[in-house]
Amino acid sequence: MNITKTNPAEIEVGVVGIGLMGSSIIVSLLASGHRVKAIAPINADFSSADNRIGEQLNNCLQAGLLKKRLPTTLINGNNHGLLRPG
């Protein structure tokens, strides 16, 4: 069996919804190194998602799950956003 290593940053993952559950999924994916594209049925969700995701990433850092705080970029438009680690 030939197993090759994959760089998580090369795999973009889509998440539908950026409420409490979607934000937690997004944080897990970002912490693993993935780029995440998120969509939300309500455009206003993006205003609170950035803070919620930032808080969760800080909690991961304080718990020792991350070595450093991941800077993220939330690009909002047409009810979708792209979050990138680092």
PDB file of N, CA and C in Angstrom:
ATOM      1  N   MET A   1       0.838  -1.170   0.000  1.00  0.00           N
ATOM      2  CA  MET A   1       0.000   0.000   0.000  1.00  0.00           C
ATOM      3  C   MET A   1       0.887   1.238   0.000  1.00  0.00           C
ATOM      4  N   ASN A   2       0.619   2.150  -0.883  1.00  0.00           N
ATOM      5  CA  ASN A   2       1.382   3.387  -0.993  1.00  0.00           C
ATOM      6  C   ASN A   2       0.605   4.515  -0.321  1.00  0.00           C
ATOM      7  N   ILE A   3       1.100   4.987   0.801  1.00  0.00           N
ATOM      8  CA  ILE A   3       0.441   6.064   1.531  1.00  0.00           C
ATOM      9  C   ILE A   3       1.290   7.317   1.410  1.00  0.00           C
ATOM     10  N   THR A   4       0.672   8.380   0.969  1.00  0.00           N
ATOM     11  CA  THR A   4       1.391   9.647   0.855  1.00  0.00           C
ATOM     12  C   THR A   4       0.824  10.640   1.856  1.00  0.00           C
ATOM     13  N   LYS A   5       1.692  11.512   2.336  1.00  0.00           N
ATOM     14  CA  LYS A   5       1.251  12.550   3.267  1.00  0.00           C
ATOM     15  C   LYS A   5       0.594  13.670   2.480  1.00  0.00           C
ATOM     16  N   THR A   6      -0.451  14.211   3.065  1.00  0.00           N
ATOM     17  CA  THR A   6      -1.163  15.329   2.450  1.00  0.00           C
ATOM     18  C   THR A   6      -1.057  16.532   3.364  1.00  0.00           C
ATOM     19  N   ASN A   7      -0.786  17.658   2.783  1.00  0.00           N
ATOM     20  CA  ASN A   7      -0.738  18.908   3.526  1.00  0.00           C
ATOM     21  C   ASN A   7      -2.173  19.407   3.685  1.00  0.00           C
ATOM     22  N   PRO A   8      -2.690  19.551   4.930  1.00  0.00           N
ATOM     23  CA  PRO A   8      -4.073  19.998   5.115  1.00  0.00           C
ATOM     24  C   PRO A   8      -4.366  21.344   4.460  1.00  0.00           C
ATOM     25  N   ALA A   9      -3.351  22.191   4.346  1.00  0.00           N
ATOM     26  CA  ALA A   9      -3.565  23.502   3.730  1.00  0.00           C
ATOM     27  C   ALA A   9      -3.945  23.389   2.260  1.00  0.00           C
ATOM     28  N   GLU A  10      -3.673  22.240   1.668  1.00  0.00           N
ATOM     29  CA  GLU A  10      -4.018  22.024   0.262  1.00  0.00           C
ATOM     30  C   GLU A  10      -5.474  21.602   0.082  1.00  0.00           C
ATOM     31  N   ILE A  11      -6.152  21.290   1.181  1.00  0.00           N
ATOM     32  CA  ILE A  11      -7.522  20.798   1.102  1.00  0.00           C
ATOM     33  C   ILE A  11      -8.470  21.856   1.656  1.00  0.00           C
ATOM     34  N   GLU A  12      -9.259  22.461   0.792  1.00  0.00           N
ATOM     35  CA  GLU A  12     -10.256  23.434   1.225  1.00  0.00           C
ATOM     36  C   GLU A  12     -11.541  22.681   1.565  1.00  0.00           C
ATOM     37  N   VAL A  13     -12.108  22.998   2.728  1.00  0.00           N
ATOM     38  CA  VAL A  13     -13.296  22.299   3.207  1.00  0.00           C
ATOM     39  C   VAL A  13     -14.449  23.293   3.294  1.00  0.00           C
ATOM     40  N   GLY A  14     -15.629  22.864   2.899  1.00  0.00           N
ATOM     41  CA  GLY A  14     -16.820  23.703   2.979  1.00  0.00           C
ATOM     42  C   GLY A  14     -17.646  23.363   4.200  1.00  0.00           C
ATOM     43  N   VAL A  15     -18.173  24.395   4.856  1.00  0.00           N
ATOM     44  CA  VAL A  15     -19.052  24.220   6.015  1.00  0.00           C
ATOM     45  C   VAL A  15     -20.315  25.041   5.767  1.00  0.00           C
ATOM     46  N   VAL A  16     -21.461  24.410   5.958  1.00  0.00           N
ATOM     47  CA  VAL A  16     -22.735  25.100   5.802  1.00  0.00           C
ATOM     48  C   VAL A  16     -23.224  25.492   7.188  1.00  0.00           C
ATOM     49  N   GLY A  17     -23.356  26.776   7.422  1.00  0.00           N
ATOM     50  CA  GLY A  17     -23.804  27.291   8.702  1.00  0.00           C
ATOM     51  C   GLY A  17     -22.635  27.709   9.570  1.00  0.00           C
ATOM     52  N   ILE A  18     -22.742  28.885  10.182  1.00  0.00           N
ATOM     53  CA  ILE A  18     -21.656  29.390  11.026  1.00  0.00           C
ATOM     54  C   ILE A  18     -22.170  29.787  12.401  1.00  0.00           C
ATOM     55  N   GLY A  19     -23.186  29.046  12.853  1.00  0.00           N
ATOM     56  CA  GLY A  19     -23.675  29.235  14.216  1.00  0.00           C
ATOM     57  C   GLY A  19     -22.735  28.534  15.184  1.00  0.00           C
ATOM     58  N   LEU A  20     -23.268  28.103  16.315  1.00  0.00           N
ATOM     59  CA  LEU A  20     -22.436  27.459  17.331  1.00  0.00           C
ATOM     60  C   LEU A  20     -21.775  26.179  16.809  1.00  0.00           C
ATOM     61  N   MET A  21     -22.547  25.311  16.169  1.00  0.00           N
ATOM     62  CA  MET A  21     -21.982  24.054  15.689  1.00  0.00           C
ATOM     63  C   MET A  21     -21.030  24.295  14.519  1.00  0.00           C
ATOM     64  N   GLY A  22     -21.449  25.108  13.562  1.00  0.00           N
ATOM     65  CA  GLY A  22     -20.600  25.384  12.403  1.00  0.00           C
ATOM     66  C   GLY A  22     -19.291  26.043  12.806  1.00  0.00           C
ATOM     67  N   SER A  23     -19.344  26.975  13.758  1.00  0.00           N
ATOM     68  CA  SER A  23     -18.134  27.640  14.228  1.00  0.00           C
ATOM     69  C   SER A  23     -17.169  26.648  14.863  1.00  0.00           C
ATOM     70  N   SER A  24     -17.709  25.701  15.633  1.00  0.00           N
ATOM     71  CA  SER A  24     -16.852  24.687  16.266  1.00  0.00           C
ATOM     72  C   SER A  24     -16.196  23.793  15.217  1.00  0.00           C
ATOM     73  N   ILE A  25     -16.941  23.440  14.206  1.00  0.00           N
ATOM     74  CA  ILE A  25     -16.386  22.630  13.117  1.00  0.00           C
ATOM     75  C   ILE A  25     -15.300  23.415  12.397  1.00  0.00           C
ATOM     76  N   ILE A  26     -15.560  24.683  12.139  1.00  0.00           N
ATOM     77  CA  ILE A  26     -14.591  25.550  11.464  1.00  0.00           C
ATOM     78  C   ILE A  26     -13.307  25.653  12.272  1.00  0.00           C
ATOM     79  N   VAL A  27     -13.428  25.843  13.587  1.00  0.00           N
ATOM     80  CA  VAL A  27     -12.243  25.948  14.445  1.00  0.00           C
ATOM     81  C   VAL A  27     -11.425  24.657  14.382  1.00  0.00           C
ATOM     82  N   SER A  28     -12.093  23.517  14.429  1.00  0.00           N
ATOM     83  CA  SER A  28     -11.386  22.238  14.350  1.00  0.00           C
ATOM     84  C   SER A  28     -10.623  22.112  13.031  1.00  0.00           C
ATOM     85  N   LEU A  29     -11.260  22.508  11.952  1.00  0.00           N
ATOM     86  CA  LEU A  29     -10.618  22.426  10.637  1.00  0.00           C
ATOM     87  C   LEU A  29      -9.452  23.408  10.538  1.00  0.00           C
ATOM     88  N   LEU A  30      -9.632  24.637  11.019  1.00  0.00           N
ATOM     89  CA  LEU A  30      -8.553  25.612  10.989  1.00  0.00           C
ATOM     90  C   LEU A  30      -7.371  25.153  11.836  1.00  0.00           C
ATOM     91  N   ALA A  31      -7.654  24.592  13.009  1.00  0.00           N
ATOM     92  CA  ALA A  31      -6.591  24.107  13.886  1.00  0.00           C
ATOM     93  C   ALA A  31      -5.812  22.963  13.233  1.00  0.00           C
ATOM     94  N   SER A  32      -6.472  22.236  12.340  1.00  0.00           N
ATOM     95  CA  SER A  32      -5.809  21.148  11.612  1.00  0.00           C
ATOM     96  C   SER A  32      -5.050  21.654  10.389  1.00  0.00           C
ATOM     97  N   GLY A  33      -5.215  22.940  10.072  1.00  0.00           N
ATOM     98  CA  GLY A  33      -4.476  23.534   8.961  1.00  0.00           C
ATOM     99  C   GLY A  33      -5.248  23.683   7.668  1.00  0.00           C
ATOM    100  N   HIS A  34      -6.528  23.348   7.655  1.00  0.00           N
ATOM    101  CA  HIS A  34      -7.334  23.451   6.433  1.00  0.00           C
ATOM    102  C   HIS A  34      -7.766  24.892   6.164  1.00  0.00           C
ATOM    103  N   ARG A  35      -7.971  25.184   4.892  1.00  0.00           N
ATOM    104  CA  ARG A  35      -8.680  26.399   4.507  1.00  0.00           C
ATOM    105  C   ARG A  35     -10.152  26.044   4.532  1.00  0.00           C
ATOM    106  N   VAL A  36     -10.973  26.982   4.975  1.00  0.00           N
ATOM    107  CA  VAL A  36     -12.397  26.687   5.137  1.00  0.00           C
ATOM    108  C   VAL A  36     -13.223  27.711   4.388  1.00  0.00           C
ATOM    109  N   LYS A  37     -14.175  27.227   3.600  1.00  0.00           N
ATOM    110  CA  LYS A  37     -15.164  28.092   2.972  1.00  0.00           C
ATOM    111  C   LYS A  37     -16.480  27.824   3.681  1.00  0.00           C
ATOM    112  N   ALA A  38     -17.093  28.884   4.210  1.00  0.00           N
ATOM    113  CA  ALA A  38     -18.337  28.729   4.962  1.00  0.00           C
ATOM    114  C   ALA A  38     -19.452  29.506   4.283  1.00  0.00           C
ATOM    115  N   ILE A  39     -20.641  28.939   4.322  1.00  0.00           N
ATOM    116  CA  ILE A  39     -21.810  29.646   3.822  1.00  0.00           C
ATOM    117  C   ILE A  39     -22.844  29.706   4.941  1.00  0.00           C
ATOM    118  N   ALA A  40     -23.646  30.743   4.893  1.00  0.00           N
ATOM    119  CA  ALA A  40     -24.682  30.920   5.909  1.00  0.00           C
ATOM    120  C   ALA A  40     -25.934  31.455   5.240  1.00  0.00           C
ATOM    121  N   PRO A  41     -27.091  30.956   5.646  1.00  0.00           N
ATOM    122  CA  PRO A  41     -28.337  31.440   5.053  1.00  0.00           C
ATOM    123  C   PRO A  41     -28.653  32.875   5.474  1.00  0.00           C
ATOM    124  N   ILE A  42     -28.097  33.296   6.598  1.00  0.00           N
ATOM    125  CA  ILE A  42     -28.346  34.654   7.097  1.00  0.00           C
ATOM    126  C   ILE A  42     -27.030  35.423   7.090  1.00  0.00           C
ATOM    127  N   ASN A  43     -26.948  36.452   6.268  1.00  0.00           N
ATOM    128  CA  ASN A  43     -25.714  37.209   6.111  1.00  0.00           C
ATOM    129  C   ASN A  43     -25.251  37.818   7.429  1.00  0.00           C
ATOM    130  N   ALA A  44     -26.177  38.164   8.321  1.00  0.00           N
ATOM    131  CA  ALA A  44     -25.817  38.785   9.599  1.00  0.00           C
ATOM    132  C   ALA A  44     -25.007  37.835  10.487  1.00  0.00           C
ATOM    133  N   ASP A  45     -25.083  36.525  10.242  1.00  0.00           N
ATOM    134  CA  ASP A  45     -24.305  35.573  11.037  1.00  0.00           C
ATOM    135  C   ASP A  45     -22.808  35.825  10.941  1.00  0.00           C
ATOM    136  N   PHE A  46     -22.358  36.393   9.840  1.00  0.00           N
ATOM    137  CA  PHE A  46     -20.931  36.639   9.670  1.00  0.00           C
ATOM    138  C   PHE A  46     -20.398  37.664  10.663  1.00  0.00           C
ATOM    139  N   SER A  47     -21.251  38.584  11.107  1.00  0.00           N
ATOM    140  CA  SER A  47     -20.773  39.605  12.048  1.00  0.00           C
ATOM    141  C   SER A  47     -20.403  38.999  13.397  1.00  0.00           C
ATOM    142  N   SER A  48     -21.118  37.985  13.838  1.00  0.00           N
ATOM    143  CA  SER A  48     -20.800  37.359  15.123  1.00  0.00           C
ATOM    144  C   SER A  48     -19.845  36.176  14.965  1.00  0.00           C
ATOM    145  N   ALA A  49     -19.773  35.593  13.787  1.00  0.00           N
ATOM    146  CA  ALA A  49     -18.942  34.406  13.577  1.00  0.00           C
ATOM    147  C   ALA A  49     -17.464  34.706  13.777  1.00  0.00           C
ATOM    148  N   ASP A  50     -17.009  35.853  13.314  1.00  0.00           N
ATOM    149  CA  ASP A  50     -15.594  36.192  13.423  1.00  0.00           C
ATOM    150  C   ASP A  50     -15.165  36.213  14.892  1.00  0.00           C
ATOM    151  N   ASN A  51     -15.964  36.861  15.750  1.00  0.00           N
ATOM    152  CA  ASN A  51     -15.636  36.913  17.179  1.00  0.00           C
ATOM    153  C   ASN A  51     -15.726  35.536  17.823  1.00  0.00           C
ATOM    154  N   ARG A  52     -16.764  34.777  17.495  1.00  0.00           N
ATOM    155  CA  ARG A  52     -16.956  33.453  18.088  1.00  0.00           C
ATOM    156  C   ARG A  52     -15.797  32.524  17.715  1.00  0.00           C
ATOM    157  N   ILE A  53     -15.405  32.544  16.461  1.00  0.00           N
ATOM    158  CA  ILE A  53     -14.300  31.701  16.007  1.00  0.00           C
ATOM    159  C   ILE A  53     -12.997  32.140  16.669  1.00  0.00           C
ATOM    160  N   GLY A  54     -12.780  33.441  16.769  1.00  0.00           N
ATOM    161  CA  GLY A  54     -11.584  33.950  17.440  1.00  0.00           C
ATOM    162  C   GLY A  54     -11.511  33.522  18.894  1.00  0.00           C
ATOM    163  N   GLU A  55     -12.641  33.597  19.594  1.00  0.00           N
ATOM    164  CA  GLU A  55     -12.685  33.165  21.000  1.00  0.00           C
ATOM    165  C   GLU A  55     -12.369  31.680  21.124  1.00  0.00           C
ATOM    166  N   GLN A  56     -12.941  30.879  20.238  1.00  0.00           N
ATOM    167  CA  GLN A  56     -12.697  29.438  20.302  1.00  0.00           C
ATOM    168  C   GLN A  56     -11.235  29.106  20.003  1.00  0.00           C
ATOM    169  N   LEU A  57     -10.627  29.821  19.066  1.00  0.00           N
ATOM    170  CA  LEU A  57      -9.213  29.600  18.779  1.00  0.00           C
ATOM    171  C   LEU A  57      -8.357  29.994  19.983  1.00  0.00           C
ATOM    172  N   ASN A  58      -8.722  31.085  20.661  1.00  0.00           N
ATOM    173  CA  ASN A  58      -7.998  31.484  21.874  1.00  0.00           C
ATOM    174  C   ASN A  58      -8.151  30.432  22.966  1.00  0.00           C
ATOM    175  N   ASN A  59      -9.342  29.851  23.109  1.00  0.00           N
ATOM    176  CA  ASN A  59      -9.549  28.778  24.082  1.00  0.00           C
ATOM    177  C   ASN A  59      -8.668  27.568  23.765  1.00  0.00           C
ATOM    178  N   CYS A  60      -8.548  27.237  22.491  1.00  0.00           N
ATOM    179  CA  CYS A  60      -7.676  26.128  22.081  1.00  0.00           C
ATOM    180  C   CYS A  60      -6.224  26.435  22.428  1.00  0.00           C
ATOM    181  N   LEU A  61      -5.821  27.665  22.238  1.00  0.00           N
ATOM    182  CA  LEU A  61      -4.455  28.077  22.566  1.00  0.00           C
ATOM    183  C   LEU A  61      -4.206  27.948  24.065  1.00  0.00           C
ATOM    184  N   GLN A  62      -5.124  28.444  24.874  1.00  0.00           N
ATOM    185  CA  GLN A  62      -4.979  28.383  26.324  1.00  0.00           C
ATOM    186  C   GLN A  62      -4.990  26.947  26.843  1.00  0.00           C
ATOM    187  N   ALA A  63      -5.703  26.061  26.166  1.00  0.00           N
ATOM    188  CA  ALA A  63      -5.770  24.656  26.577  1.00  0.00           C
ATOM    189  C   ALA A  63      -4.561  23.855  26.083  1.00  0.00           C
ATOM    190  N   GLY A  64      -3.679  24.514  25.335  1.00  0.00           N
ATOM    191  CA  GLY A  64      -2.496  23.845  24.821  1.00  0.00           C
ATOM    192  C   GLY A  64      -2.730  23.042  23.556  1.00  0.00           C
ATOM    193  N   LEU A  65      -3.868  23.240  22.907  1.00  0.00           N
ATOM    194  CA  LEU A  65      -4.177  22.509  21.676  1.00  0.00           C
ATOM    195  C   LEU A  65      -3.517  23.132  20.453  1.00  0.00           C
ATOM    196  N   LEU A  66      -3.130  24.390  20.571  1.00  0.00           N
ATOM    197  CA  LEU A  66      -2.424  25.095  19.498  1.00  0.00           C
ATOM    198  C   LEU A  66      -1.115  25.628  20.060  1.00  0.00           C
ATOM    199  N   LYS A  67      -0.080  25.671  19.231  1.00  0.00           N
ATOM    200  CA  LYS A  67       1.204  26.221  19.671  1.00  0.00           C
ATOM    201  C   LYS A  67       1.223  27.736  19.600  1.00  0.00           C
ATOM    202  N   LYS A  68       0.448  28.287  18.670  1.00  0.00           N
ATOM    203  CA  LYS A  68       0.346  29.738  18.546  1.00  0.00           C
ATOM    204  C   LYS A  68      -1.043  30.089  18.037  1.00  0.00           C
ATOM    205  N   ARG A  69      -1.443  31.321  18.264  1.00  0.00           N
ATOM    206  CA  ARG A  69      -2.761  31.795  17.822  1.00  0.00           C
ATOM    207  C   ARG A  69      -2.774  31.850  16.311  1.00  0.00           C
ATOM    208  N   LEU A  70      -3.776  31.228  15.718  1.00  0.00           N
ATOM    209  CA  LEU A  70      -3.907  31.240  14.272  1.00  0.00           C
ATOM    210  C   LEU A  70      -4.549  32.536  13.812  1.00  0.00           C
ATOM    211  N   PRO A  71      -3.836  33.330  13.047  1.00  0.00           N
ATOM    212  CA  PRO A  71      -4.520  34.493  12.470  1.00  0.00           C
ATOM    213  C   PRO A  71      -5.486  34.000  11.398  1.00  0.00           C
ATOM    214  N   THR A  72      -6.686  34.520  11.402  1.00  0.00           N
ATOM    215  CA  THR A  72      -7.665  34.115  10.398  1.00  0.00           C
ATOM    216  C   THR A  72      -8.168  35.340   9.656  1.00  0.00           C
ATOM    217  N   THR A  73      -8.594  35.107   8.459  1.00  0.00           N
ATOM    218  CA  THR A  73      -9.180  36.156   7.650  1.00  0.00           C
ATOM    219  C   THR A  73     -10.582  35.714   7.270  1.00  0.00           C
ATOM    220  N   LEU A  74     -11.556  36.547   7.589  1.00  0.00           N
ATOM    221  CA  LEU A  74     -12.933  36.258   7.196  1.00  0.00           C
ATOM    222  C   LEU A  74     -13.288  37.211   6.074  1.00  0.00           C
ATOM    223  N   ILE A  75     -13.487  36.651   4.904  1.00  0.00           N
ATOM    224  CA  ILE A  75     -13.858  37.437   3.732  1.00  0.00           C
ATOM    225  C   ILE A  75     -15.336  37.199   3.501  1.00  0.00           C
ATOM    226  N   ASN A  76     -16.130  38.237   3.607  1.00  0.00           N
ATOM    227  CA  ASN A  76     -17.577  38.099   3.556  1.00  0.00           C
ATOM    228  C   ASN A  76     -18.110  38.648   2.236  1.00  0.00           C
ATOM    229  N   GLY A  77     -19.050  37.940   1.671  1.00  0.00           N
ATOM    230  CA  GLY A  77     -19.710  38.410   0.468  1.00  0.00           C
ATOM    231  C   GLY A  77     -20.682  37.375  -0.056  1.00  0.00           C
ATOM    232  N   ASN A  78     -21.833  37.799  -0.453  1.00  0.00           N
ATOM    233  CA  ASN A  78     -22.845  36.906  -1.023  1.00  0.00           C
ATOM    234  C   ASN A  78     -23.137  35.694  -0.143  1.00  0.00           C
ATOM    235  N   ASN A  79     -23.263  35.936   1.165  1.00  0.00           N
ATOM    236  CA  ASN A  79     -23.591  34.880   2.129  1.00  0.00           C
ATOM    237  C   ASN A  79     -22.573  33.744   2.183  1.00  0.00           C
ATOM    238  N   HIS A  80     -21.338  34.037   1.853  1.00  0.00           N
ATOM    239  CA  HIS A  80     -20.291  33.031   2.031  1.00  0.00           C
ATOM    240  C   HIS A  80     -19.010  33.733   2.482  1.00  0.00           C
ATOM    241  N   GLY A  81     -18.155  32.978   3.093  1.00  0.00           N
ATOM    242  CA  GLY A  81     -16.897  33.533   3.562  1.00  0.00           C
ATOM    243  C   GLY A  81     -15.796  32.505   3.406  1.00  0.00           C
ATOM    244  N   LEU A  82     -14.590  32.967   3.390  1.00  0.00           N
ATOM    245  CA  LEU A  82     -13.429  32.089   3.282  1.00  0.00           C
ATOM    246  C   LEU A  82     -12.537  32.374   4.480  1.00  0.00           C
ATOM    247  N   LEU A  83     -12.212  31.347   5.233  1.00  0.00           N
ATOM    248  CA  LEU A  83     -11.331  31.486   6.379  1.00  0.00           C
ATOM    249  C   LEU A  83     -10.052  30.729   6.085  1.00  0.00           C
ATOM    250  N   ARG A  84      -8.949  31.403   6.327  1.00  0.00           N
ATOM    251  CA  ARG A  84      -7.652  30.789   6.049  1.00  0.00           C
ATOM    252  C   ARG A  84      -6.802  30.833   7.305  1.00  0.00           C
ATOM    253  N   PRO A  85      -6.187  29.723   7.657  1.00  0.00           N
ATOM    254  CA  PRO A  85      -5.252  29.768   8.781  1.00  0.00           C
ATOM    255  C   PRO A  85      -3.963  30.444   8.337  1.00  0.00           C
ATOM    256  N   GLY A  86      -3.345  31.129   9.264  1.00  0.00           N
ATOM    257  CA  GLY A  86      -2.029  31.724   9.014  1.00  0.00           C
ATOM    258  C   GLY A  86      -2.009  32.697   7.986  1.00  0.00           C
TER     259      GLY A  86
END
